[in-house]
Amino acid sequence: MPKLSIREGMNIMLQSVFLLCLGLSFSATAYNYNYSTHVNLDGKDILVYFNDGDTFQFQTNNQKSSARLQGFNALESYGPVHQWGTWTREELYENAKAATENARAGSWHCHTAGPRDTYGRSIIDCPDLAQDQIRKGLAHAMFVDKADYNQKLIDLQ
């Protein structure tokens, strides 16, 4: 095993501490959701955590699951900046935050709509939430295939 200088040893130690703190931070936030929004999912009332305007986390049988809501798309509040016309980054970010808060403020009726998506999330249809988000300008209608097409959402848009 090669000998390390004091400086190299300190760098390795600092990197290890940083990675440990980063891991603790992610694990704490990954399981510290505030499940406070009521959703009636397939006839059963559950509490969910909306992490954005079209995605929520929920627990069943002590197992965390993610759901992607079908029929509409809300802006993300993180990641690459969206571009849309002459809107600024700040305006788009505020729209994303408003969509998340709107979803969290309601009580929604939803049902399982299909198999999981490529990210492993359940596909859930929440028609009243989709209509509300689109009506308020917080999301736009979005369909993956013809079977998901919803004229009512297009008309609201």
N, C-alpha and C. Protein backbone atom coordinates (compact mmCIF):
# COMPACT_ATOMS: atom_id res chain seq x y z
N MET A 1 0.85 -1.18 0.00
CA MET A 1 0.00 0.00 0.00
C MET A 1 0.90 1.25 0.00
N PRO A 2 0.68 2.16 -0.95
CA PRO A 2 1.54 3.34 -1.03
C PRO A 2 1.28 4.28 0.14
N LYS A 3 2.33 4.96 0.55
CA LYS A 3 2.20 5.95 1.63
C LYS A 3 1.59 7.22 1.08
N LEU A 4 0.71 7.82 1.85
CA LEU A 4 0.08 9.08 1.49
C LEU A 4 0.72 10.21 2.27
N SER A 5 0.77 11.36 1.63
CA SER A 5 1.23 12.55 2.36
C SER A 5 0.11 12.97 3.32
N ILE A 6 0.47 13.79 4.26
CA ILE A 6 -0.55 14.30 5.20
C ILE A 6 -1.65 15.03 4.42
N ARG A 7 -1.26 15.79 3.43
CA ARG A 7 -2.24 16.55 2.63
C ARG A 7 -3.19 15.60 1.90
N GLU A 8 -2.65 14.54 1.29
CA GLU A 8 -3.50 13.58 0.58
C GLU A 8 -4.43 12.86 1.54
N GLY A 9 -3.92 12.52 2.72
CA GLY A 9 -4.75 11.86 3.73
C GLY A 9 -5.88 12.76 4.20
N MET A 10 -5.57 14.04 4.40
CA MET A 10 -6.60 15.00 4.82
C MET A 10 -7.65 15.18 3.73
N ASN A 11 -7.24 15.25 2.48
CA ASN A 11 -8.19 15.38 1.37
C ASN A 11 -9.13 14.18 1.32
N ILE A 12 -8.58 12.99 1.47
CA ILE A 12 -9.42 11.78 1.45
C ILE A 12 -10.39 11.80 2.62
N MET A 13 -9.91 12.19 3.80
CA MET A 13 -10.78 12.25 4.97
C MET A 13 -11.89 13.28 4.77
N LEU A 14 -11.57 14.48 4.26
CA LEU A 14 -12.57 15.50 4.04
C LEU A 14 -13.60 15.06 2.99
N GLN A 15 -13.13 14.40 1.94
CA GLN A 15 -14.05 13.90 0.91
C GLN A 15 -14.98 12.85 1.51
N SER A 16 -14.46 11.98 2.37
CA SER A 16 -15.28 10.95 3.01
C SER A 16 -16.34 11.57 3.91
N VAL A 17 -15.94 12.57 4.69
CA VAL A 17 -16.90 13.26 5.57
C VAL A 17 -17.97 13.95 4.73
N PHE A 18 -17.55 14.61 3.65
CA PHE A 18 -18.51 15.28 2.77
C PHE A 18 -19.51 14.27 2.21
N LEU A 19 -19.01 13.13 1.71
CA LEU A 19 -19.91 12.13 1.13
C LEU A 19 -20.83 11.53 2.18
N LEU A 20 -20.33 11.33 3.38
CA LEU A 20 -21.16 10.83 4.47
C LEU A 20 -22.28 11.82 4.79
N CYS A 21 -21.91 13.11 4.92
CA CYS A 21 -22.93 14.13 5.20
C CYS A 21 -23.94 14.24 4.07
N LEU A 22 -23.46 14.15 2.85
CA LEU A 22 -24.35 14.21 1.69
C LEU A 22 -25.32 13.03 1.73
N GLY A 23 -24.81 11.85 2.03
CA GLY A 23 -25.66 10.65 2.11
C GLY A 23 -26.69 10.77 3.21
N LEU A 24 -26.28 11.29 4.37
CA LEU A 24 -27.23 11.48 5.47
C LEU A 24 -28.29 12.50 5.09
N SER A 25 -27.88 13.53 4.39
CA SER A 25 -28.84 14.55 3.96
C SER A 25 -29.87 13.96 3.02
N PHE A 26 -29.42 13.19 2.03
CA PHE A 26 -30.36 12.58 1.08
C PHE A 26 -31.26 11.58 1.77
N SER A 27 -30.71 10.76 2.66
CA SER A 27 -31.56 9.76 3.30
C SER A 27 -32.58 10.43 4.21
N ALA A 28 -32.21 11.53 4.84
CA ALA A 28 -33.17 12.23 5.71
C ALA A 28 -34.28 12.84 4.89
N THR A 29 -33.95 13.46 3.77
CA THR A 29 -34.99 14.09 2.98
C THR A 29 -35.79 13.05 2.22
N ALA A 30 -35.19 11.92 1.88
CA ALA A 30 -35.90 10.91 1.10
C ALA A 30 -37.05 10.30 1.89
N TYR A 31 -36.97 10.29 3.22
CA TYR A 31 -38.01 9.65 4.01
C TYR A 31 -38.75 10.62 4.92
N ASN A 32 -38.51 11.90 4.77
CA ASN A 32 -39.13 12.89 5.64
C ASN A 32 -40.20 13.69 4.91
N TYR A 33 -41.04 13.00 4.15
CA TYR A 33 -42.11 13.68 3.44
C TYR A 33 -43.23 14.04 4.40
N ASN A 34 -43.90 15.14 4.12
CA ASN A 34 -45.06 15.54 4.89
C ASN A 34 -46.31 15.05 4.16
N TYR A 35 -46.74 13.84 4.47
CA TYR A 35 -47.92 13.26 3.84
C TYR A 35 -49.15 13.95 4.42
N SER A 36 -49.62 15.00 3.74
CA SER A 36 -50.70 15.79 4.32
C SER A 36 -51.86 16.07 3.37
N THR A 37 -51.73 15.67 2.11
CA THR A 37 -52.81 15.91 1.15
C THR A 37 -53.67 14.65 1.04
N HIS A 38 -54.98 14.85 1.13
CA HIS A 38 -55.90 13.72 1.03
C HIS A 38 -56.19 13.39 -0.43
N VAL A 39 -56.03 12.13 -0.77
CA VAL A 39 -56.37 11.62 -2.09
C VAL A 39 -57.20 10.38 -1.90
N ASN A 40 -58.29 10.29 -2.63
CA ASN A 40 -59.07 9.07 -2.67
C ASN A 40 -58.54 8.28 -3.86
N LEU A 41 -57.76 7.25 -3.59
CA LEU A 41 -57.14 6.44 -4.64
C LEU A 41 -57.83 5.09 -4.71
N ASP A 42 -58.50 4.85 -5.81
CA ASP A 42 -59.21 3.58 -6.03
C ASP A 42 -60.18 3.28 -4.89
N GLY A 43 -60.86 4.34 -4.40
CA GLY A 43 -61.87 4.17 -3.36
C GLY A 43 -61.33 4.16 -1.94
N LYS A 44 -60.02 4.32 -1.78
CA LYS A 44 -59.43 4.30 -0.44
C LYS A 44 -58.78 5.66 -0.17
N ASP A 45 -59.13 6.27 0.98
CA ASP A 45 -58.54 7.55 1.35
C ASP A 45 -57.13 7.33 1.86
N ILE A 46 -56.17 8.05 1.24
CA ILE A 46 -54.77 7.98 1.66
C ILE A 46 -54.21 9.39 1.76
N LEU A 47 -53.11 9.53 2.47
CA LEU A 47 -52.38 10.79 2.54
C LEU A 47 -51.19 10.68 1.60
N VAL A 48 -50.94 11.75 0.84
CA VAL A 48 -49.85 11.75 -0.12
C VAL A 48 -49.00 13.00 0.08
N TYR A 49 -47.83 12.98 -0.52
CA TYR A 49 -46.94 14.13 -0.55
C TYR A 49 -46.70 14.52 -2.00
N PHE A 50 -47.15 15.71 -2.40
CA PHE A 50 -46.90 16.20 -3.76
C PHE A 50 -45.52 16.82 -3.79
N ASN A 51 -44.62 16.23 -4.58
CA ASN A 51 -43.29 16.82 -4.73
C ASN A 51 -43.24 17.78 -5.91
N ASP A 52 -44.25 17.75 -6.76
CA ASP A 52 -44.47 18.80 -7.77
C ASP A 52 -45.94 18.73 -8.17
N GLY A 53 -46.32 19.48 -9.18
CA GLY A 53 -47.73 19.60 -9.52
C GLY A 53 -48.35 18.41 -10.21
N ASP A 54 -47.54 17.42 -10.61
CA ASP A 54 -48.09 16.25 -11.32
C ASP A 54 -47.51 14.92 -10.83
N THR A 55 -46.90 14.93 -9.65
CA THR A 55 -46.28 13.72 -9.10
C THR A 55 -46.48 13.70 -7.60
N PHE A 56 -46.81 12.54 -7.05
CA PHE A 56 -46.87 12.45 -5.60
C PHE A 56 -46.29 11.15 -5.10
N GLN A 57 -45.95 11.16 -3.81
CA GLN A 57 -45.43 9.99 -3.09
C GLN A 57 -46.53 9.52 -2.15
N PHE A 58 -46.61 8.21 -1.95
CA PHE A 58 -47.57 7.67 -0.99
C PHE A 58 -47.02 6.39 -0.42
N GLN A 59 -47.62 5.95 0.68
CA GLN A 59 -47.19 4.71 1.32
C GLN A 59 -48.36 3.75 1.42
N THR A 60 -48.12 2.53 1.06
CA THR A 60 -49.08 1.45 1.27
C THR A 60 -48.31 0.27 1.83
N ASN A 61 -48.85 -0.35 2.85
CA ASN A 61 -48.19 -1.49 3.49
C ASN A 61 -46.74 -1.16 3.86
N ASN A 62 -46.53 0.04 4.42
CA ASN A 62 -45.22 0.52 4.85
C ASN A 62 -44.18 0.57 3.73
N GLN A 63 -44.65 0.66 2.49
CA GLN A 63 -43.73 0.77 1.36
C GLN A 63 -44.03 2.05 0.59
N LYS A 64 -42.97 2.85 0.36
CA LYS A 64 -43.12 4.11 -0.35
C LYS A 64 -43.26 3.84 -1.85
N SER A 65 -44.20 4.56 -2.48
CA SER A 65 -44.40 4.47 -3.92
C SER A 65 -44.50 5.87 -4.50
N SER A 66 -44.19 5.98 -5.78
CA SER A 66 -44.32 7.24 -6.49
C SER A 66 -45.41 7.11 -7.54
N ALA A 67 -46.10 8.21 -7.78
CA ALA A 67 -47.17 8.22 -8.78
C ALA A 67 -46.96 9.38 -9.75
N ARG A 68 -47.10 9.10 -11.03
CA ARG A 68 -47.08 10.13 -12.08
C ARG A 68 -48.52 10.27 -12.55
N LEU A 69 -49.02 11.51 -12.51
CA LEU A 69 -50.41 11.74 -12.85
C LEU A 69 -50.55 11.91 -14.36
N GLN A 70 -51.53 11.26 -14.92
CA GLN A 70 -51.69 11.27 -16.38
C GLN A 70 -52.60 12.39 -16.84
N GLY A 71 -52.41 12.80 -18.09
CA GLY A 71 -53.30 13.76 -18.72
C GLY A 71 -52.81 15.19 -18.71
N PHE A 72 -51.83 15.48 -17.86
CA PHE A 72 -51.32 16.86 -17.79
C PHE A 72 -49.88 16.87 -17.34
N ASN A 73 -49.23 18.00 -17.57
CA ASN A 73 -47.85 18.17 -17.15
C ASN A 73 -47.69 19.54 -16.51
N ALA A 74 -47.08 19.56 -15.33
CA ALA A 74 -46.74 20.81 -14.65
C ALA A 74 -45.22 20.96 -14.72
N LEU A 75 -44.75 22.19 -14.67
CA LEU A 75 -43.32 22.44 -14.71
C LEU A 75 -42.63 21.88 -13.48
N GLU A 76 -41.39 21.48 -13.64
CA GLU A 76 -40.57 21.02 -12.52
C GLU A 76 -40.04 22.26 -11.80
N SER A 77 -39.86 22.13 -10.49
CA SER A 77 -39.31 23.25 -9.73
C SER A 77 -37.81 23.09 -9.51
N TYR A 78 -37.22 22.11 -10.15
CA TYR A 78 -35.78 21.87 -10.04
C TYR A 78 -35.28 21.36 -11.38
N GLY A 79 -33.98 21.21 -11.50
CA GLY A 79 -33.41 20.68 -12.73
C GLY A 79 -33.24 21.75 -13.79
N PRO A 80 -33.07 21.33 -15.04
CA PRO A 80 -32.85 22.30 -16.12
C PRO A 80 -33.99 23.31 -16.21
N VAL A 81 -33.63 24.51 -16.53
CA VAL A 81 -34.63 25.58 -16.63
C VAL A 81 -35.46 25.37 -17.89
N HIS A 82 -36.75 25.48 -17.73
CA HIS A 82 -37.64 25.40 -18.88
C HIS A 82 -37.61 26.71 -19.64
N GLN A 83 -37.88 26.64 -20.91
CA GLN A 83 -38.02 27.85 -21.71
C GLN A 83 -39.40 27.84 -22.33
N TRP A 84 -40.03 29.00 -22.30
CA TRP A 84 -41.35 29.10 -22.89
C TRP A 84 -41.57 30.56 -23.24
N GLY A 85 -41.55 30.84 -24.53
CA GLY A 85 -41.77 32.20 -25.00
C GLY A 85 -40.83 33.18 -24.33
N THR A 86 -41.38 34.27 -23.83
CA THR A 86 -40.56 35.31 -23.21
C THR A 86 -40.60 35.24 -21.68
N TRP A 87 -41.14 34.15 -21.13
CA TRP A 87 -41.20 34.01 -19.67
C TRP A 87 -39.78 33.91 -19.12
N THR A 88 -39.55 34.53 -17.97
CA THR A 88 -38.25 34.45 -17.32
C THR A 88 -38.16 33.16 -16.50
N ARG A 89 -36.93 32.82 -16.11
CA ARG A 89 -36.74 31.64 -15.24
C ARG A 89 -37.52 31.80 -13.95
N GLU A 90 -37.52 33.00 -13.41
CA GLU A 90 -38.23 33.26 -12.16
C GLU A 90 -39.73 33.05 -12.30
N GLU A 91 -40.30 33.51 -13.41
CA GLU A 91 -41.74 33.33 -13.64
C GLU A 91 -42.08 31.85 -13.80
N LEU A 92 -41.24 31.11 -14.51
CA LEU A 92 -41.49 29.69 -14.69
C LEU A 92 -41.37 28.95 -13.36
N TYR A 93 -40.38 29.33 -12.57
CA TYR A 93 -40.21 28.71 -11.26
C TYR A 93 -41.43 28.99 -10.36
N GLU A 94 -41.91 30.21 -10.38
CA GLU A 94 -43.10 30.56 -9.58
C GLU A 94 -44.32 29.76 -10.04
N ASN A 95 -44.45 29.54 -11.35
CA ASN A 95 -45.54 28.71 -11.87
C ASN A 95 -45.41 27.28 -11.35
N ALA A 96 -44.20 26.74 -11.36
CA ALA A 96 -43.98 25.37 -10.86
C ALA A 96 -44.33 25.28 -9.38
N LYS A 97 -43.90 26.25 -8.59
CA LYS A 97 -44.22 26.25 -7.16
C LYS A 97 -45.72 26.36 -6.93
N ALA A 98 -46.38 27.22 -7.71
CA ALA A 98 -47.83 27.39 -7.55
C ALA A 98 -48.58 26.10 -7.88
N ALA A 99 -48.12 25.37 -8.89
CA ALA A 99 -48.76 24.09 -9.25
C ALA A 99 -48.63 23.09 -8.12
N THR A 100 -47.45 23.04 -7.49
CA THR A 100 -47.23 22.12 -6.38
C THR A 100 -48.12 22.51 -5.20
N GLU A 101 -48.15 23.78 -4.86
CA GLU A 101 -48.98 24.23 -3.74
C GLU A 101 -50.47 24.00 -4.01
N ASN A 102 -50.90 24.21 -5.25
CA ASN A 102 -52.29 23.97 -5.60
C ASN A 102 -52.65 22.49 -5.41
N ALA A 103 -51.76 21.62 -5.84
CA ALA A 103 -52.01 20.18 -5.68
C ALA A 103 -52.07 19.81 -4.20
N ARG A 104 -51.18 20.37 -3.41
CA ARG A 104 -51.13 20.07 -1.97
C ARG A 104 -52.36 20.60 -1.23
N ALA A 105 -52.98 21.66 -1.74
CA ALA A 105 -54.08 22.32 -1.04
C ALA A 105 -55.42 21.62 -1.22
N GLY A 106 -55.53 20.74 -2.20
CA GLY A 106 -56.82 20.13 -2.50
C GLY A 106 -57.02 18.77 -1.88
N SER A 107 -58.16 18.20 -2.19
CA SER A 107 -58.50 16.82 -1.84
C SER A 107 -59.00 16.20 -3.14
N TRP A 108 -58.31 15.20 -3.65
CA TRP A 108 -58.52 14.74 -5.02
C TRP A 108 -59.01 13.30 -5.10
N HIS A 109 -59.77 13.02 -6.16
CA HIS A 109 -60.26 11.67 -6.43
C HIS A 109 -59.47 11.11 -7.61
N CYS A 110 -58.84 9.96 -7.38
CA CYS A 110 -57.92 9.41 -8.38
C CYS A 110 -58.13 7.91 -8.51
N HIS A 111 -57.65 7.37 -9.62
CA HIS A 111 -57.67 5.92 -9.80
C HIS A 111 -56.44 5.48 -10.59
N THR A 112 -56.03 4.26 -10.34
CA THR A 112 -54.89 3.70 -11.06
C THR A 112 -55.28 3.58 -12.52
N ALA A 113 -54.40 4.06 -13.40
CA ALA A 113 -54.75 4.15 -14.82
C ALA A 113 -53.95 3.21 -15.71
N GLY A 114 -52.92 2.61 -15.22
CA GLY A 114 -52.14 1.74 -16.08
C GLY A 114 -50.90 1.22 -15.39
N PRO A 115 -50.05 0.56 -16.16
CA PRO A 115 -48.82 0.01 -15.59
C PRO A 115 -47.85 1.13 -15.21
N ARG A 116 -46.76 0.76 -14.59
CA ARG A 116 -45.76 1.75 -14.17
C ARG A 116 -45.05 2.35 -15.38
N ASP A 117 -44.54 3.58 -15.19
CA ASP A 117 -43.79 4.22 -16.27
C ASP A 117 -42.33 3.78 -16.23
N THR A 118 -41.52 4.35 -17.10
CA THR A 118 -40.12 3.94 -17.19
C THR A 118 -39.32 4.29 -15.94
N TYR A 119 -39.85 5.15 -15.07
CA TYR A 119 -39.18 5.49 -13.80
C TYR A 119 -39.71 4.65 -12.65
N GLY A 120 -40.59 3.70 -12.94
CA GLY A 120 -41.15 2.84 -11.90
C GLY A 120 -42.30 3.45 -11.13
N ARG A 121 -42.83 4.58 -11.60
CA ARG A 121 -43.94 5.23 -10.91
C ARG A 121 -45.27 4.66 -11.38
N SER A 122 -46.23 4.56 -10.45
CA SER A 122 -47.59 4.18 -10.81
C SER A 122 -48.20 5.27 -11.67
N ILE A 123 -48.99 4.89 -12.67
CA ILE A 123 -49.70 5.86 -13.49
C ILE A 123 -51.08 6.04 -12.88
N ILE A 124 -51.37 7.26 -12.45
CA ILE A 124 -52.60 7.56 -11.73
C ILE A 124 -53.36 8.65 -12.49
N ASP A 125 -54.67 8.50 -12.57
CA ASP A 125 -55.52 9.52 -13.19
C ASP A 125 -56.29 10.23 -12.08
N CYS A 126 -56.10 11.54 -12.00
CA CYS A 126 -56.81 12.40 -11.04
C CYS A 126 -57.52 13.47 -11.85
N PRO A 127 -58.69 13.14 -12.44
CA PRO A 127 -59.33 14.07 -13.36
C PRO A 127 -59.64 15.43 -12.77
N ASP A 128 -60.09 15.49 -11.50
CA ASP A 128 -60.42 16.78 -10.92
C ASP A 128 -59.16 17.63 -10.71
N LEU A 129 -58.05 17.02 -10.35
CA LEU A 129 -56.80 17.77 -10.21
C LEU A 129 -56.29 18.23 -11.58
N ALA A 130 -56.33 17.36 -12.58
CA ALA A 130 -55.89 17.73 -13.93
C ALA A 130 -56.68 18.94 -14.42
N GLN A 131 -57.98 18.89 -14.27
CA GLN A 131 -58.82 20.00 -14.72
C GLN A 131 -58.51 21.28 -13.95
N ASP A 132 -58.31 21.16 -12.65
CA ASP A 132 -58.04 22.33 -11.82
C ASP A 132 -56.69 22.97 -12.19
N GLN A 133 -55.67 22.14 -12.35
CA GLN A 133 -54.34 22.67 -12.70
C GLN A 133 -54.38 23.37 -14.06
N ILE A 134 -55.03 22.76 -15.04
CA ILE A 134 -55.10 23.34 -16.38
C ILE A 134 -55.95 24.61 -16.38
N ARG A 135 -57.09 24.56 -15.72
CA ARG A 135 -57.99 25.72 -15.67
C ARG A 135 -57.28 26.94 -15.08
N LYS A 136 -56.42 26.71 -14.10
CA LYS A 136 -55.71 27.80 -13.43
C LYS A 136 -54.42 28.21 -14.15
N GLY A 137 -54.11 27.54 -15.27
CA GLY A 137 -52.89 27.87 -16.01
C GLY A 137 -51.62 27.36 -15.38
N LEU A 138 -51.72 26.36 -14.51
CA LEU A 138 -50.57 25.83 -13.81
C LEU A 138 -50.00 24.58 -14.47
N ALA A 139 -50.66 24.10 -15.51
CA ALA A 139 -50.21 22.91 -16.22
C ALA A 139 -50.81 22.94 -17.63
N HIS A 140 -50.33 22.02 -18.46
CA HIS A 140 -50.91 21.88 -19.80
C HIS A 140 -51.28 20.42 -20.03
N ALA A 141 -52.24 20.21 -20.92
CA ALA A 141 -52.66 18.85 -21.25
C ALA A 141 -51.50 18.12 -21.92
N MET A 142 -51.33 16.86 -21.57
CA MET A 142 -50.26 16.05 -22.14
C MET A 142 -50.71 14.59 -22.20
N PHE A 143 -50.51 13.98 -23.36
CA PHE A 143 -50.92 12.60 -23.54
C PHE A 143 -49.77 11.81 -24.15
N VAL A 144 -49.52 10.64 -23.59
CA VAL A 144 -48.42 9.80 -24.08
C VAL A 144 -48.84 9.06 -25.33
N ASP A 145 -50.08 8.60 -25.38
CA ASP A 145 -50.57 7.92 -26.58
C ASP A 145 -52.04 8.25 -26.80
N LYS A 146 -52.58 7.79 -27.91
CA LYS A 146 -53.96 8.11 -28.28
C LYS A 146 -54.97 7.62 -27.25
N ALA A 147 -54.67 6.54 -26.57
CA ALA A 147 -55.60 5.99 -25.58
C ALA A 147 -55.79 6.95 -24.40
N ASP A 148 -54.80 7.80 -24.13
CA ASP A 148 -54.87 8.74 -23.01
C ASP A 148 -55.52 10.07 -23.39
N TYR A 149 -55.77 10.28 -24.66
CA TYR A 149 -56.27 11.58 -25.14
C TYR A 149 -57.57 11.95 -24.44
N ASN A 150 -57.66 13.22 -24.00
CA ASN A 150 -58.82 13.69 -23.26
C ASN A 150 -59.24 15.06 -23.82
N GLN A 151 -60.29 15.07 -24.60
CA GLN A 151 -60.76 16.32 -25.24
C GLN A 151 -61.15 17.38 -24.22
N LYS A 152 -61.71 16.93 -23.08
CA LYS A 152 -62.13 17.90 -22.05
C LYS A 152 -60.93 18.71 -21.56
N LEU A 153 -59.77 18.06 -21.37
CA LEU A 153 -58.58 18.78 -20.93
C LEU A 153 -58.09 19.74 -22.01
N ILE A 154 -58.17 19.31 -23.26
CA ILE A 154 -57.78 20.20 -24.38
C ILE A 154 -58.68 21.43 -24.40
N ASP A 155 -59.99 21.21 -24.24
CA ASP A 155 -60.93 22.33 -24.25
C ASP A 155 -60.66 23.30 -23.09
N LEU A 156 -60.32 22.78 -21.91
CA LEU A 156 -60.01 23.64 -20.78
C LEU A 156 -58.77 24.48 -21.03
N GLN A 157 -57.84 23.88 -21.73
CA GLN A 157 -56.60 24.57 -22.03
C GLN A 157 -56.83 25.71 -22.99
